[in-house]
Full PDB file with SEQRES, HELIX, SHEET, SSBOND, CRYST1, ORIGX, SCALE, CONECT and MASTER records, all heavy atoms in Angstrom:
SEQRES   1 A   35  LYS PHE ASN LYS GLY GLU GLN GLU LEU LEU GLU ALA VAL          
SEQRES   2 A   35  ILE ALA TYR ALA PRO SER MET GLY ILE ARG TYR GLU PRO          
SEQRES   3 A   35  SER PRO LEU PRO ASP GLU TYR LEU PRO                          
HELIX    1 AA1 LYS A    4  GLU A    6  5                                   3    
HELIX    2 AA2 GLN A    7  TYR A   16  1                                  10    
HELIX    3 AA3 PRO A   18  MET A   20  5                                   3    
CRYST1    1.000    1.000    1.000  90.00  90.00  90.00 P 1           1          
ORIGX1      1.000000  0.000000  0.000000        0.00000                         
ORIGX2      0.000000  1.000000  0.000000        0.00000                         
ORIGX3      0.000000  0.000000  1.000000        0.00000                         
SCALE1      1.000000  0.000000  0.000000        0.00000                         
SCALE2      0.000000  1.000000  0.000000        0.00000                         
SCALE3      0.000000  0.000000  1.000000        0.00000                         
ATOM      1  N   LYS A   1     101.922 101.951 112.353  1.00  0.00           N  
ATOM      2  CA  LYS A   1     100.790 102.389 113.169  1.00  0.00           C  
ATOM      3  C   LYS A   1     101.267 102.452 114.611  1.00  0.00           C  
ATOM      4  O   LYS A   1     101.885 101.513 115.120  1.00  0.00           O  
ATOM      5  CB  LYS A   1      99.606 101.420 113.055  1.00  0.00           C  
ATOM      6  CG  LYS A   1      98.991 101.322 111.663  1.00  0.00           C  
ATOM      7  CD  LYS A   1      97.819 100.336 111.665  1.00  0.00           C  
ATOM      8  CE  LYS A   1      97.352  99.991 110.262  1.00  0.00           C  
ATOM      9  NZ  LYS A   1      96.755 101.114 109.546  1.00  0.00           N  
ATOM     10  N   PHE A   2     100.999 103.578 115.265  1.00  0.00           N  
ATOM     11  CA  PHE A   2     101.320 103.763 116.684  1.00  0.00           C  
ATOM     12  C   PHE A   2     100.399 104.839 117.224  1.00  0.00           C  
ATOM     13  O   PHE A   2      99.623 105.439 116.481  1.00  0.00           O  
ATOM     14  CB  PHE A   2     102.809 104.133 116.878  1.00  0.00           C  
ATOM     15  CG  PHE A   2     103.304 105.277 116.022  1.00  0.00           C  
ATOM     16  CD1 PHE A   2     103.030 106.599 116.367  1.00  0.00           C  
ATOM     17  CD2 PHE A   2     104.048 105.034 114.880  1.00  0.00           C  
ATOM     18  CE1 PHE A   2     103.493 107.652 115.590  1.00  0.00           C  
ATOM     19  CE2 PHE A   2     104.514 106.084 114.083  1.00  0.00           C  
ATOM     20  CZ  PHE A   2     104.234 107.400 114.444  1.00  0.00           C  
ATOM     21  N   ASN A   3     100.456 105.092 118.510  1.00  0.00           N  
ATOM     22  CA  ASN A   3      99.617 106.145 119.083  1.00  0.00           C  
ATOM     23  C   ASN A   3     100.214 107.512 118.742  1.00  0.00           C  
ATOM     24  O   ASN A   3     101.433 107.702 118.780  1.00  0.00           O  
ATOM     25  CB  ASN A   3      99.504 105.966 120.595  1.00  0.00           C  
ATOM     26  CG  ASN A   3      98.541 106.977 121.206  1.00  0.00           C  
ATOM     27  OD1 ASN A   3      98.931 108.084 121.533  1.00  0.00           O  
ATOM     28  ND2 ASN A   3      97.280 106.599 121.350  1.00  0.00           N  
ATOM     29  N   LYS A   4      99.348 108.454 118.443  1.00  0.00           N  
ATOM     30  CA  LYS A   4      99.798 109.778 117.977  1.00  0.00           C  
ATOM     31  C   LYS A   4     100.712 110.471 118.977  1.00  0.00           C  
ATOM     32  O   LYS A   4     101.552 111.301 118.596  1.00  0.00           O  
ATOM     33  CB  LYS A   4      98.580 110.660 117.667  1.00  0.00           C  
ATOM     34  CG  LYS A   4      98.930 111.907 116.879  1.00  0.00           C  
ATOM     35  CD  LYS A   4      97.683 112.613 116.386  1.00  0.00           C  
ATOM     36  CE  LYS A   4      98.004 113.930 115.717  1.00  0.00           C  
ATOM     37  NZ  LYS A   4      98.704 113.887 114.481  1.00  0.00           N  
ATOM     38  N   GLY A   5     100.598 110.112 120.252  1.00  0.00           N  
ATOM     39  CA  GLY A   5     101.451 110.716 121.269  1.00  0.00           C  
ATOM     40  C   GLY A   5     102.921 110.364 121.128  1.00  0.00           C  
ATOM     41  O   GLY A   5     103.776 110.940 121.820  1.00  0.00           O  
ATOM     42  N   GLU A   6     103.238 109.430 120.235  1.00  0.00           N  
ATOM     43  CA  GLU A   6     104.636 109.044 119.983  1.00  0.00           C  
ATOM     44  C   GLU A   6     105.246 109.781 118.782  1.00  0.00           C  
ATOM     45  O   GLU A   6     106.443 109.648 118.521  1.00  0.00           O  
ATOM     46  CB  GLU A   6     104.732 107.536 119.729  1.00  0.00           C  
ATOM     47  CG  GLU A   6     104.424 106.678 120.938  1.00  0.00           C  
ATOM     48  CD  GLU A   6     105.537 106.730 121.981  1.00  0.00           C  
ATOM     49  OE1 GLU A   6     106.714 106.552 121.619  1.00  0.00           O  
ATOM     50  OE2 GLU A   6     105.223 106.957 123.165  1.00  0.00           O  
ATOM     51  N   GLN A   7     104.433 110.567 118.090  1.00  0.00           N  
ATOM     52  CA  GLN A   7     104.899 111.180 116.841  1.00  0.00           C  
ATOM     53  C   GLN A   7     106.129 112.070 117.051  1.00  0.00           C  
ATOM     54  O   GLN A   7     107.079 112.036 116.273  1.00  0.00           O  
ATOM     55  CB  GLN A   7     103.779 112.013 116.220  1.00  0.00           C  
ATOM     56  CG  GLN A   7     104.210 112.770 114.982  1.00  0.00           C  
ATOM     57  CD  GLN A   7     103.596 112.229 113.727  1.00  0.00           C  
ATOM     58  OE1 GLN A   7     102.766 111.334 113.758  1.00  0.00           O  
ATOM     59  NE2 GLN A   7     104.017 112.753 112.610  1.00  0.00           N  
ATOM     60  N   GLU A   8     106.134 112.881 118.112  1.00  0.00           N  
ATOM     61  CA  GLU A   8     107.282 113.757 118.361  1.00  0.00           C  
ATOM     62  C   GLU A   8     108.554 112.948 118.580  1.00  0.00           C  
ATOM     63  O   GLU A   8     109.635 113.344 118.135  1.00  0.00           O  
ATOM     64  CB  GLU A   8     107.023 114.659 119.575  1.00  0.00           C  
ATOM     65  CG  GLU A   8     106.181 115.869 119.266  1.00  0.00           C  
ATOM     66  CD  GLU A   8     106.068 116.802 120.458  1.00  0.00           C  
ATOM     67  OE1 GLU A   8     107.051 116.984 121.193  1.00  0.00           O  
ATOM     68  OE2 GLU A   8     104.971 117.357 120.654  1.00  0.00           O  
ATOM     69  N   LEU A   9     108.429 111.825 119.284  1.00  0.00           N  
ATOM     70  CA  LEU A   9     109.598 110.958 119.487  1.00  0.00           C  
ATOM     71  C   LEU A   9     110.140 110.477 118.153  1.00  0.00           C  
ATOM     72  O   LEU A   9     111.356 110.449 117.934  1.00  0.00           O  
ATOM     73  CB  LEU A   9     109.223 109.732 120.326  1.00  0.00           C  
ATOM     74  CG  LEU A   9     109.185 109.812 121.838  1.00  0.00           C  
ATOM     75  CD1 LEU A   9     109.102 108.415 122.413  1.00  0.00           C  
ATOM     76  CD2 LEU A   9     110.385 110.542 122.394  1.00  0.00           C  
ATOM     77  N   LEU A  10     109.246 110.071 117.255  1.00  0.00           N  
ATOM     78  CA  LEU A  10     109.672 109.573 115.953  1.00  0.00           C  
ATOM     79  C   LEU A  10     110.387 110.670 115.173  1.00  0.00           C  
ATOM     80  O   LEU A  10     111.444 110.440 114.577  1.00  0.00           O  
ATOM     81  CB  LEU A  10     108.472 109.058 115.156  1.00  0.00           C  
ATOM     82  CG  LEU A  10     108.819 108.440 113.801  1.00  0.00           C  
ATOM     83  CD1 LEU A  10     109.590 107.139 113.998  1.00  0.00           C  
ATOM     84  CD2 LEU A  10     107.577 108.198 112.969  1.00  0.00           C  
ATOM     85  N   GLU A  11     109.814 111.864 115.185  1.00  0.00           N  
ATOM     86  CA  GLU A  11     110.419 112.964 114.429  1.00  0.00           C  
ATOM     87  C   GLU A  11     111.775 113.358 115.007  1.00  0.00           C  
ATOM     88  O   GLU A  11     112.661 113.813 114.276  1.00  0.00           O  
ATOM     89  CB  GLU A  11     109.452 114.150 114.391  1.00  0.00           C  
ATOM     90  CG  GLU A  11     108.205 113.840 113.549  1.00  0.00           C  
ATOM     91  CD  GLU A  11     107.106 114.875 113.683  1.00  0.00           C  
ATOM     92  OE1 GLU A  11     107.231 115.778 114.541  1.00  0.00           O  
ATOM     93  OE2 GLU A  11     106.118 114.781 112.921  1.00  0.00           O  
ATOM     94  N   ALA A  12     111.971 113.163 116.307  1.00  0.00           N  
ATOM     95  CA  ALA A  12     113.238 113.534 116.944  1.00  0.00           C  
ATOM     96  C   ALA A  12     114.376 112.594 116.563  1.00  0.00           C  
ATOM     97  O   ALA A  12     115.554 112.979 116.643  1.00  0.00           O  
ATOM     98  CB  ALA A  12     113.065 113.538 118.470  1.00  0.00           C  
ATOM     99  N   VAL A  13     114.043 111.375 116.143  1.00  0.00           N  
ATOM    100  CA  VAL A  13     115.091 110.391 115.829  1.00  0.00           C  
ATOM    101  C   VAL A  13     116.018 110.904 114.732  1.00  0.00           C  
ATOM    102  O   VAL A  13     117.232 110.690 114.762  1.00  0.00           O  
ATOM    103  CB  VAL A  13     114.464 109.039 115.416  1.00  0.00           C  
ATOM    104  CG1 VAL A  13     115.543 108.068 114.954  1.00  0.00           C  
ATOM    105  CG2 VAL A  13     113.688 108.434 116.576  1.00  0.00           C  
ATOM    106  N   ILE A  14     115.453 111.621 113.765  1.00  0.00           N  
ATOM    107  CA  ILE A  14     116.249 112.116 112.635  1.00  0.00           C  
ATOM    108  C   ILE A  14     117.413 112.963 113.146  1.00  0.00           C  
ATOM    109  O   ILE A  14     118.536 112.875 112.640  1.00  0.00           O  
ATOM    110  CB  ILE A  14     115.360 112.944 111.679  1.00  0.00           C  
ATOM    111  CG1 ILE A  14     114.264 112.053 111.085  1.00  0.00           C  
ATOM    112  CG2 ILE A  14     116.201 113.572 110.571  1.00  0.00           C  
ATOM    113  CD1 ILE A  14     113.207 112.808 110.308  1.00  0.00           C  
ATOM    114  N   ALA A  15     117.171 113.778 114.164  1.00  0.00           N  
ATOM    115  CA  ALA A  15     118.200 114.678 114.677  1.00  0.00           C  
ATOM    116  C   ALA A  15     119.239 113.949 115.520  1.00  0.00           C  
ATOM    117  O   ALA A  15     120.426 114.265 115.455  1.00  0.00           O  
ATOM    118  CB  ALA A  15     117.542 115.794 115.493  1.00  0.00           C  
ATOM    119  N   TYR A  16     118.812 112.971 116.332  1.00  0.00           N  
ATOM    120  CA  TYR A  16     119.786 112.400 117.268  1.00  0.00           C  
ATOM    121  C   TYR A  16     120.467 111.124 116.792  1.00  0.00           C  
ATOM    122  O   TYR A  16     121.474 110.711 117.358  1.00  0.00           O  
ATOM    123  CB  TYR A  16     119.197 112.238 118.673  1.00  0.00           C  
ATOM    124  CG  TYR A  16     118.185 111.141 118.910  1.00  0.00           C  
ATOM    125  CD1 TYR A  16     118.554 109.795 118.935  1.00  0.00           C  
ATOM    126  CD2 TYR A  16     116.851 111.437 119.194  1.00  0.00           C  
ATOM    127  CE1 TYR A  16     117.627 108.792 119.198  1.00  0.00           C  
ATOM    128  CE2 TYR A  16     115.917 110.432 119.454  1.00  0.00           C  
ATOM    129  CZ  TYR A  16     116.322 109.112 119.455  1.00  0.00           C  
ATOM    130  OH  TYR A  16     115.414 108.124 119.723  1.00  0.00           O  
ATOM    131  N   ALA A  17     119.970 110.511 115.726  1.00  0.00           N  
ATOM    132  CA  ALA A  17     120.599 109.273 115.241  1.00  0.00           C  
ATOM    133  C   ALA A  17     122.086 109.452 114.912  1.00  0.00           C  
ATOM    134  O   ALA A  17     122.909 108.624 115.322  1.00  0.00           O  
ATOM    135  CB  ALA A  17     119.836 108.724 114.043  1.00  0.00           C  
ATOM    136  N   PRO A  18     122.465 110.516 114.186  1.00  0.00           N  
ATOM    137  CA  PRO A  18     123.887 110.649 113.837  1.00  0.00           C  
ATOM    138  C   PRO A  18     124.802 110.730 115.062  1.00  0.00           C  
ATOM    139  O   PRO A  18     125.911 110.181 115.054  1.00  0.00           O  
ATOM    140  CB  PRO A  18     123.934 111.962 113.039  1.00  0.00           C  
ATOM    141  CG  PRO A  18     122.553 112.143 112.517  1.00  0.00           C  
ATOM    142  CD  PRO A  18     121.652 111.569 113.575  1.00  0.00           C  
ATOM    143  N   SER A  19     124.340 111.374 116.117  1.00  0.00           N  
ATOM    144  CA  SER A  19     125.176 111.506 117.315  1.00  0.00           C  
ATOM    145  C   SER A  19     125.397 110.154 117.987  1.00  0.00           C  
ATOM    146  O   SER A  19     126.320 109.983 118.786  1.00  0.00           O  
ATOM    147  CB  SER A  19     124.534 112.480 118.313  1.00  0.00           C  
ATOM    148  OG  SER A  19     123.342 111.934 118.845  1.00  0.00           O  
ATOM    149  N   MET A  20     124.564 109.177 117.673  1.00  0.00           N  
ATOM    150  CA  MET A  20     124.711 107.835 118.231  1.00  0.00           C  
ATOM    151  C   MET A  20     125.432 106.906 117.251  1.00  0.00           C  
ATOM    152  O   MET A  20     125.561 105.708 117.497  1.00  0.00           O  
ATOM    153  CB  MET A  20     123.333 107.276 118.594  1.00  0.00           C  
ATOM    154  CG  MET A  20     122.553 108.208 119.503  1.00  0.00           C  
ATOM    155  SD  MET A  20     120.884 107.632 119.829  1.00  0.00           S  
ATOM    156  CE  MET A  20     121.147 106.805 121.374  1.00  0.00           C  
ATOM    157  N   GLY A  21     125.871 107.477 116.148  1.00  0.00           N  
ATOM    158  CA  GLY A  21     126.609 106.677 115.176  1.00  0.00           C  
ATOM    159  C   GLY A  21     125.738 105.711 114.407  1.00  0.00           C  
ATOM    160  O   GLY A  21     126.207 104.688 113.900  1.00  0.00           O  
ATOM    161  N   ILE A  22     124.455 106.017 114.320  1.00  0.00           N  
ATOM    162  CA  ILE A  22     123.520 105.106 113.646  1.00  0.00           C  
ATOM    163  C   ILE A  22     122.967 105.771 112.391  1.00  0.00           C  
ATOM    164  O   ILE A  22     122.501 106.913 112.431  1.00  0.00           O  
ATOM    165  CB  ILE A  22     122.363 104.716 114.592  1.00  0.00           C  
ATOM    166  CG1 ILE A  22     122.910 103.878 115.752  1.00  0.00           C  
ATOM    167  CG2 ILE A  22     121.262 103.961 113.848  1.00  0.00           C  
ATOM    168  CD1 ILE A  22     121.879 103.502 116.789  1.00  0.00           C  
ATOM    169  N   ARG A  23     123.051 105.033 111.292  1.00  0.00           N  
ATOM    170  CA  ARG A  23     122.484 105.543 110.041  1.00  0.00           C  
ATOM    171  C   ARG A  23     120.987 105.227 110.029  1.00  0.00           C  
ATOM    172  O   ARG A  23     120.588 104.066 110.068  1.00  0.00           O  
ATOM    173  CB  ARG A  23     123.172 104.868 108.853  1.00  0.00           C  
ATOM    174  CG  ARG A  23     122.849 105.516 107.509  1.00  0.00           C  
ATOM    175  CD  ARG A  23     123.649 104.857 106.406  1.00  0.00           C  
ATOM    176  NE  ARG A  23     123.180 103.505 106.149  1.00  0.00           N  
ATOM    177  CZ  ARG A  23     122.168 103.204 105.334  1.00  0.00           C  
ATOM    178  NH1 ARG A  23     121.513 104.168 104.725  1.00  0.00           N  
ATOM    179  NH2 ARG A  23     121.808 101.945 105.149  1.00  0.00           N  
ATOM    180  N   TYR A  24     120.191 106.273 110.015  1.00  0.00           N  
ATOM    181  CA  TYR A  24     118.734 106.111 110.124  1.00  0.00           C  
ATOM    182  C   TYR A  24     118.053 106.656 108.881  1.00  0.00           C  
ATOM    183  O   TYR A  24     118.223 107.822 108.531  1.00  0.00           O  
ATOM    184  CB  TYR A  24     118.241 106.850 111.372  1.00  0.00           C  
ATOM    185  CG  TYR A  24     116.727 106.959 111.479  1.00  0.00           C  
ATOM    186  CD1 TYR A  24     115.941 105.825 111.689  1.00  0.00           C  
ATOM    187  CD2 TYR A  24     116.089 108.194 111.374  1.00  0.00           C  
ATOM    188  CE1 TYR A  24     114.561 105.925 111.786  1.00  0.00           C  
ATOM    189  CE2 TYR A  24     114.713 108.298 111.478  1.00  0.00           C  
ATOM    190  CZ  TYR A  24     113.953 107.163 111.679  1.00  0.00           C  
ATOM    191  OH  TYR A  24     112.587 107.269 111.780  1.00  0.00           O  
ATOM    192  N   GLU A  25     117.299 105.796 108.217  1.00  0.00           N  
ATOM    193  CA  GLU A  25     116.462 106.263 107.116  1.00  0.00           C  
ATOM    194  C   GLU A  25     115.095 106.611 107.687  1.00  0.00           C  
ATOM    195  O   GLU A  25     114.424 105.752 108.267  1.00  0.00           O  
ATOM    196  CB  GLU A  25     116.335 105.175 106.058  1.00  0.00           C  
ATOM    197  CG  GLU A  25     117.629 104.912 105.314  1.00  0.00           C  
ATOM    198  CD  GLU A  25     117.382 104.058 104.079  1.00  0.00           C  
ATOM    199  OE1 GLU A  25     116.448 104.370 103.311  1.00  0.00           O  
ATOM    200  OE2 GLU A  25     118.111 103.076 103.911  1.00  0.00           O  
ATOM    201  N   PRO A  26     114.693 107.874 107.552  1.00  0.00           N  
ATOM    202  CA  PRO A  26     113.467 108.314 108.228  1.00  0.00           C  
ATOM    203  C   PRO A  26     112.252 107.436 107.924  1.00  0.00           C  
ATOM    204  O   PRO A  26     112.010 107.069 106.771  1.00  0.00           O  
ATOM    205  CB  PRO A  26     113.272 109.742 107.706  1.00  0.00           C  
ATOM    206  CG  PRO A  26     114.662 110.200 107.397  1.00  0.00           C  
ATOM    207  CD  PRO A  26     115.377 108.986 106.873  1.00  0.00           C  
ATOM    208  N   SER A  27     111.539 107.126 108.973  1.00  0.00           N  
ATOM    209  CA  SER A  27     110.328 106.318 108.854  1.00  0.00           C  
ATOM    210  C   SER A  27     109.225 107.107 108.168  1.00  0.00           C  
ATOM    211  O   SER A  27     109.088 108.310 108.375  1.00  0.00           O  
ATOM    212  CB  SER A  27     109.857 105.924 110.263  1.00  0.00           C  
ATOM    213  OG  SER A  27     108.533 105.413 110.232  1.00  0.00           O  
ATOM    214  N   PRO A  28     108.406 106.430 107.354  1.00  0.00           N  
ATOM    215  CA  PRO A  28     107.178 107.086 106.898  1.00  0.00           C  
ATOM    216  C   PRO A  28     106.264 107.342 108.092  1.00  0.00           C  
ATOM    217  O   PRO A  28     106.407 106.709 109.140  1.00  0.00           O  
ATOM    218  CB  PRO A  28     106.557 106.076 105.935  1.00  0.00           C  
ATOM    219  CG  PRO A  28     107.167 104.762 106.287  1.00  0.00           C  
ATOM    220  CD  PRO A  28     108.510 105.040 106.878  1.00  0.00           C  
ATOM    221  N   LEU A  29     105.364 108.282 107.922  1.00  0.00           N  
ATOM    222  CA  LEU A  29     104.397 108.583 108.982  1.00  0.00           C  
ATOM    223  C   LEU A  29     103.136 107.748 108.764  1.00  0.00           C  
ATOM    224  O   LEU A  29     102.842 107.320 107.643  1.00  0.00           O  
ATOM    225  CB  LEU A  29     104.052 110.071 108.979  1.00  0.00           C  
ATOM    226  CG  LEU A  29     105.228 111.001 109.294  1.00  0.00           C  
ATOM    227  CD1 LEU A  29     104.799 112.465 109.208  1.00  0.00           C  
ATOM    228  CD2 LEU A  29     105.815 110.695 110.658  1.00  0.00           C  
ATOM    229  N   PRO A  30     102.399 107.507 109.833  1.00  0.00           N  
ATOM    230  CA  PRO A  30     101.180 106.692 109.705  1.00  0.00           C  
ATOM    231  C   PRO A  30     100.109 107.346 108.842  1.00  0.00           C  
ATOM    232  O   PRO A  30     100.014 108.574 108.779  1.00  0.00           O  
ATOM    233  CB  PRO A  30     100.681 106.572 111.158  1.00  0.00           C  
ATOM    234  CG  PRO A  30     101.873 106.870 112.004  1.00  0.00           C  
ATOM    235  CD  PRO A  30     102.681 107.861 111.237  1.00  0.00           C  
ATOM    236  N   ASP A  31      99.339 106.512 108.175  1.00  0.00           N  
ATOM    237  CA  ASP A  31      98.100 106.981 107.552  1.00  0.00           C  
ATOM    238  C   ASP A  31      97.013 107.071 108.610  1.00  0.00           C  
ATOM    239  O   ASP A  31      96.105 107.894 108.517  1.00  0.00           O  
ATOM    240  CB  ASP A  31      97.650 106.027 106.446  1.00  0.00           C  
ATOM    241  CG  ASP A  31      98.442 106.222 105.160  1.00  0.00           C  
ATOM    242  OD1 ASP A  31      98.951 107.339 104.938  1.00  0.00           O  
ATOM    243  OD2 ASP A  31      98.577 105.259 104.394  1.00  0.00           O  
ATOM    244  N   GLU A  32      97.111 106.186 109.601  1.00  0.00           N  
ATOM    245  CA  GLU A  32      96.166 106.234 110.720  1.00  0.00           C  
ATOM    246  C   GLU A  32      96.900 105.870 112.000  1.00  0.00           C  
ATOM    247  O   GLU A  32      97.838 105.077 111.982  1.00  0.00           O  
ATOM    248  CB  GLU A  32      94.975 105.296 110.477  1.00  0.00           C  
ATOM    249  CG  GLU A  32      95.361 103.851 110.265  1.00  0.00           C  
ATOM    250  CD  GLU A  32      94.130 102.949 110.171  1.00  0.00           C  
ATOM    251  OE1 GLU A  32      93.200 103.136 110.959  1.00  0.00           O  
ATOM    252  OE2 GLU A  32      94.135 102.040 109.321  1.00  0.00           O  
ATOM    253  N   TYR A  33      96.449 106.485 113.076  1.00  0.00           N  
ATOM    254  CA  TYR A  33      97.075 106.259 114.376  1.00  0.00           C  
ATOM    255  C   TYR A  33      96.245 105.258 115.177  1.00  0.00           C  
ATOM    256  O   TYR A  33      95.051 105.078 114.923  1.00  0.00           O  
ATOM    257  CB  TYR A  33      97.203 107.579 115.147  1.00  0.00           C  
ATOM    258  CG  TYR A  33      98.133 108.550 114.474  1.00  0.00           C  
ATOM    259  CD1 TYR A  33      97.653 109.469 113.551  1.00  0.00           C  
ATOM    260  CD2 TYR A  33      99.500 108.531 114.744  1.00  0.00           C  
ATOM    261  CE1 TYR A  33      98.513 110.356 112.915  1.00  0.00           C  
ATOM    262  CE2 TYR A  33     100.365 109.412 114.119  1.00  0.00           C  
ATOM    263  CZ  TYR A  33      99.860 110.321 113.202  1.00  0.00           C  
ATOM    264  OH  TYR A  33     100.724 111.187 112.574  1.00  0.00           O  
ATOM    265  N   LEU A  34      96.889 104.622 116.137  1.00  0.00           N  
ATOM    266  CA  LEU A  34      96.183 103.673 116.989  1.00  0.00           C  
ATOM    267  C   LEU A  34      95.607 104.400 118.197  1.00  0.00           C  
ATOM    268  O   LEU A  34      96.280 105.257 118.796  1.00  0.00           O  
ATOM    269  CB  LEU A  34      97.142 102.579 117.467  1.00  0.00           C  
ATOM    270  CG  LEU A  34      97.718 101.680 116.371  1.00  0.00           C  
ATOM    271  CD1 LEU A  34      98.751 100.731 116.973  1.00  0.00           C  
ATOM    272  CD2 LEU A  34      96.622 100.899 115.664  1.00  0.00           C  
ATOM    273  N   PRO A  35      94.388 104.064 118.597  1.00  0.00           N  
ATOM    274  CA  PRO A  35      93.803 104.670 119.794  1.00  0.00           C  
ATOM    275  C   PRO A  35      94.426 104.087 121.061  1.00  0.00           C  
ATOM    276  O   PRO A  35      95.258 103.177 120.998  1.00  0.00           O  
ATOM    277  CB  PRO A  35      92.324 104.293 119.684  1.00  0.00           C  
ATOM    278  CG  PRO A  35      92.326 103.011 118.914  1.00  0.00           C  
ATOM    279  CD  PRO A  35      93.472 103.100 117.956  1.00  0.00           C  
TER     280      PRO A  35                                                      
MASTER        0    0    0    3    0    0    0    6  279    1    0    3          
END                                                                             
């Protein structure tokens, strides 16, 4: 759960994780967002 304004940041992690040498398993998305 997080504020919806962070969603783009979360989705961007998939693209930039490899360039940082970090193995990232994509996070599930929220069922509900925090106000």
